[in-house]
Amino acid sequence: MIRTCTLTGQPFEIRQEDLKFLEEISPVFQGKKYPLPAPDLCPTARMQVRLAQRNERFLYHRKCDLSGKQIISCYSLDKPFPVYENDEWYSDKWDGKEYGMEFDFTQPFFEQFGKLRARV
């Protein structure tokens, strides 16, 4: 099946194997299958969208800032914010409210947001 990428306008192919895979991994809730749609973006555009948020092409050895356990992370050692192992990030071992801060209406929003991002 040939589709046109909604981001780039370029044609790309979706193979029968890809459609079969989407069918196999489609979720089932209470006995009803909810089919996953075929992609609207070409592979290159999908990769660009994924990488726009996080770097997952380069991995680094570092220690988890919560437990000290050796982990593999997409964040290098020079990052100013703490990096936690996934299980610890989603656990109750830390309280995200500790990073809360009052909003100062006399200061620019993005300056304050940058300070918050550097801490969390």
C-alpha atoms as a PDB file:
ATOM      1  CA  MET A   1       0.000   0.000   0.000  1.00  0.00           C
ATOM      2  CA  ILE A   2       1.378   3.418  -0.955  1.00  0.00           C
ATOM      3  CA  ARG A   3       0.454   6.379   1.246  1.00  0.00           C
ATOM      4  CA  THR A   4       1.404  10.040   1.210  1.00  0.00           C
ATOM      5  CA  CYS A   5       3.162  11.407   4.281  1.00  0.00           C
ATOM      6  CA  THR A   6       1.002  14.091   5.886  1.00  0.00           C
ATOM      7  CA  LEU A   7       4.109  15.977   7.031  1.00  0.00           C
ATOM      8  CA  THR A   8       6.420  15.846   4.017  1.00  0.00           C
ATOM      9  CA  GLY A   9       3.983  15.070   1.206  1.00  0.00           C
ATOM     10  CA  GLN A  10       6.284  12.258   0.034  1.00  0.00           C
ATOM     11  CA  PRO A  11       4.922   8.825  -0.891  1.00  0.00           C
ATOM     12  CA  PHE A  12       5.932   5.878   1.287  1.00  0.00           C
ATOM     13  CA  GLU A  13       5.124   2.189   1.304  1.00  0.00           C
ATOM     14  CA  ILE A  14       3.339   0.280   4.038  1.00  0.00           C
ATOM     15  CA  ARG A  15       4.025  -3.408   3.494  1.00  0.00           C
ATOM     16  CA  GLN A  16       1.532  -6.176   4.159  1.00  0.00           C
ATOM     17  CA  GLU A  17       3.830  -7.413   6.945  1.00  0.00           C
ATOM     18  CA  ASP A  18       3.536  -4.003   8.640  1.00  0.00           C
ATOM     19  CA  LEU A  19      -0.263  -4.140   8.522  1.00  0.00           C
ATOM     20  CA  LYS A  20      -0.201  -7.698   9.884  1.00  0.00           C
ATOM     21  CA  PHE A  21       2.051  -6.564  12.742  1.00  0.00           C
ATOM     22  CA  LEU A  22      -0.324  -3.699  13.610  1.00  0.00           C
ATOM     23  CA  GLU A  23      -3.188  -6.193  13.643  1.00  0.00           C
ATOM     24  CA  GLU A  24      -1.260  -8.539  15.958  1.00  0.00           C
ATOM     25  CA  ILE A  25      -0.418  -5.842  18.510  1.00  0.00           C
ATOM     26  CA  SER A  26      -3.817  -4.125  18.465  1.00  0.00           C
ATOM     27  CA  PRO A  27      -5.154  -3.932  22.035  1.00  0.00           C
ATOM     28  CA  VAL A  28      -8.127  -5.956  23.227  1.00  0.00           C
ATOM     29  CA  PHE A  29     -10.368  -4.562  25.972  1.00  0.00           C
ATOM     30  CA  GLN A  30     -13.216  -6.623  27.398  1.00  0.00           C
ATOM     31  CA  GLY A  31     -13.071  -8.943  24.414  1.00  0.00           C
ATOM     32  CA  LYS A  32     -13.210  -6.187  21.788  1.00  0.00           C
ATOM     33  CA  LYS A  33     -10.189  -5.574  19.544  1.00  0.00           C
ATOM     34  CA  TYR A  34      -9.297  -1.968  18.763  1.00  0.00           C
ATOM     35  CA  PRO A  35      -7.243  -1.990  15.537  1.00  0.00           C
ATOM     36  CA  LEU A  36      -4.247   0.299  15.321  1.00  0.00           C
ATOM     37  CA  PRO A  37      -4.302   2.559  12.267  1.00  0.00           C
ATOM     38  CA  ALA A  38      -1.654   2.485   9.561  1.00  0.00           C
ATOM     39  CA  PRO A  39       0.846   5.344   9.928  1.00  0.00           C
ATOM     40  CA  ASP A  40       0.191   8.719   8.311  1.00  0.00           C
ATOM     41  CA  LEU A  41       3.856   9.746   8.470  1.00  0.00           C
ATOM     42  CA  CYS A  42       6.742   8.291   6.478  1.00  0.00           C
ATOM     43  CA  PRO A  43       9.487   6.521   8.477  1.00  0.00           C
ATOM     44  CA  THR A  44      11.807   9.551   8.342  1.00  0.00           C
ATOM     45  CA  ALA A  45       9.109  11.921   9.604  1.00  0.00           C
ATOM     46  CA  ARG A  46       8.191   9.473  12.395  1.00  0.00           C
ATOM     47  CA  MET A  47      11.823   9.353  13.498  1.00  0.00           C
ATOM     48  CA  GLN A  48      12.026  13.162  13.448  1.00  0.00           C
ATOM     49  CA  VAL A  49       8.930  13.400  15.641  1.00  0.00           C
ATOM     50  CA  ARG A  50      10.359  10.867  18.124  1.00  0.00           C
ATOM     51  CA  LEU A  51      13.765  12.540  18.270  1.00  0.00           C
ATOM     52  CA  ALA A  52      12.288  16.024  18.664  1.00  0.00           C
ATOM     53  CA  GLN A  53      11.435  15.171  22.268  1.00  0.00           C
ATOM     54  CA  ARG A  54      14.244  12.897  23.415  1.00  0.00           C
ATOM     55  CA  ASN A  55      17.578  11.621  22.210  1.00  0.00           C
ATOM     56  CA  GLU A  56      17.312   7.863  22.095  1.00  0.00           C
ATOM     57  CA  ARG A  57      19.940   7.245  19.455  1.00  0.00           C
ATOM     58  CA  PHE A  58      22.892   7.878  21.756  1.00  0.00           C
ATOM     59  CA  LEU A  59      23.055   6.049  25.073  1.00  0.00           C
ATOM     60  CA  TYR A  60      25.302   6.675  28.068  1.00  0.00           C
ATOM     61  CA  HIS A  61      26.440   4.731  31.132  1.00  0.00           C
ATOM     62  CA  ARG A  62      25.689   6.701  34.267  1.00  0.00           C
ATOM     63  CA  LYS A  63      24.412   6.253  37.790  1.00  0.00           C
ATOM     64  CA  CYS A  64      20.792   6.724  38.762  1.00  0.00           C
ATOM     65  CA  ASP A  65      20.641   9.915  40.820  1.00  0.00           C
ATOM     66  CA  LEU A  66      18.157   8.357  43.249  1.00  0.00           C
ATOM     67  CA  SER A  67      19.655   4.936  44.004  1.00  0.00           C
ATOM     68  CA  GLY A  68      23.202   5.206  42.658  1.00  0.00           C
ATOM     69  CA  LYS A  69      22.573   2.076  40.570  1.00  0.00           C
ATOM     70  CA  GLN A  70      24.462   1.871  37.250  1.00  0.00           C
ATOM     71  CA  ILE A  71      22.021   2.462  34.354  1.00  0.00           C
ATOM     72  CA  ILE A  72      21.976   3.124  30.630  1.00  0.00           C
ATOM     73  CA  SER A  73      20.397   6.480  29.856  1.00  0.00           C
ATOM     74  CA  CYS A  74      19.713   8.764  26.923  1.00  0.00           C
ATOM     75  CA  TYR A  75      21.056  11.613  29.108  1.00  0.00           C
ATOM     76  CA  SER A  76      24.806  12.171  29.386  1.00  0.00           C
ATOM     77  CA  LEU A  77      26.632  12.885  32.643  1.00  0.00           C
ATOM     78  CA  ASP A  78      26.889  16.623  31.954  1.00  0.00           C
ATOM     79  CA  LYS A  79      23.125  17.217  32.221  1.00  0.00           C
ATOM     80  CA  PRO A  80      22.181  19.526  35.129  1.00  0.00           C
ATOM     81  CA  PHE A  81      19.027  17.633  36.110  1.00  0.00           C
ATOM     82  CA  PRO A  82      18.642  14.355  38.021  1.00  0.00           C
ATOM     83  CA  VAL A  83      18.217  11.169  35.988  1.00  0.00           C
ATOM     84  CA  TYR A  84      16.334   8.228  37.475  1.00  0.00           C
ATOM     85  CA  GLU A  85      15.949   4.632  36.354  1.00  0.00           C
ATOM     86  CA  ASN A  86      12.463   4.079  34.836  1.00  0.00           C
ATOM     87  CA  ASP A  87      11.168   1.932  37.713  1.00  0.00           C
ATOM     88  CA  GLU A  88      12.303   4.539  40.240  1.00  0.00           C
ATOM     89  CA  TRP A  89      10.916   7.425  38.176  1.00  0.00           C
ATOM     90  CA  TYR A  90       7.442   5.870  38.284  1.00  0.00           C
ATOM     91  CA  SER A  91       7.733   4.764  41.921  1.00  0.00           C
ATOM     92  CA  ASP A  92       6.784   6.560  45.127  1.00  0.00           C
ATOM     93  CA  LYS A  93      10.437   6.747  46.219  1.00  0.00           C
ATOM     94  CA  TRP A  94      10.525  10.452  45.391  1.00  0.00           C
ATOM     95  CA  ASP A  95       8.005  13.286  45.517  1.00  0.00           C
ATOM     96  CA  GLY A  96       7.671  15.470  42.434  1.00  0.00           C
ATOM     97  CA  LYS A  97       6.039  18.177  44.550  1.00  0.00           C
ATOM     98  CA  GLU A  98       9.454  18.854  46.104  1.00  0.00           C
ATOM     99  CA  TYR A  99      10.338  20.599  42.849  1.00  0.00           C
ATOM    100  CA  GLY A 100       7.319  22.907  42.943  1.00  0.00           C
ATOM    101  CA  MET A 101       7.965  26.643  42.871  1.00  0.00           C
ATOM    102  CA  GLU A 102       5.894  29.781  43.070  1.00  0.00           C
ATOM    103  CA  PHE A 103       5.257  31.571  39.805  1.00  0.00           C
ATOM    104  CA  ASP A 104       6.696  35.100  39.780  1.00  0.00           C
ATOM    105  CA  PHE A 105       4.549  37.324  37.560  1.00  0.00           C
ATOM    106  CA  THR A 106       7.353  39.926  37.413  1.00  0.00           C
ATOM    107  CA  GLN A 107       9.708  37.481  35.661  1.00  0.00           C
ATOM    108  CA  PRO A 108       9.414  36.016  32.146  1.00  0.00           C
ATOM    109  CA  PHE A 109       7.648  32.658  32.027  1.00  0.00           C
ATOM    110  CA  PHE A 110      10.273  30.821  29.957  1.00  0.00           C
ATOM    111  CA  GLU A 111      13.086  31.978  32.237  1.00  0.00           C
ATOM    112  CA  GLN A 112      11.275  30.412  35.201  1.00  0.00           C
ATOM    113  CA  PHE A 113      10.345  27.329  33.191  1.00  0.00           C
ATOM    114  CA  GLY A 114      14.006  26.877  32.205  1.00  0.00           C
ATOM    115  CA  LYS A 115      15.059  26.960  35.864  1.00  0.00           C
ATOM    116  CA  LEU A 116      12.416  24.372  36.706  1.00  0.00           C
ATOM    117  CA  ARG A 117      13.471  22.101  33.822  1.00  0.00           C
ATOM    118  CA  ALA A 118      17.099  22.290  34.945  1.00  0.00           C
ATOM    119  CA  ARG A 119      16.107  21.016  38.404  1.00  0.00           C
ATOM    120  CA  VAL A 120      13.692  18.247  37.457  1.00  0.00           C
END
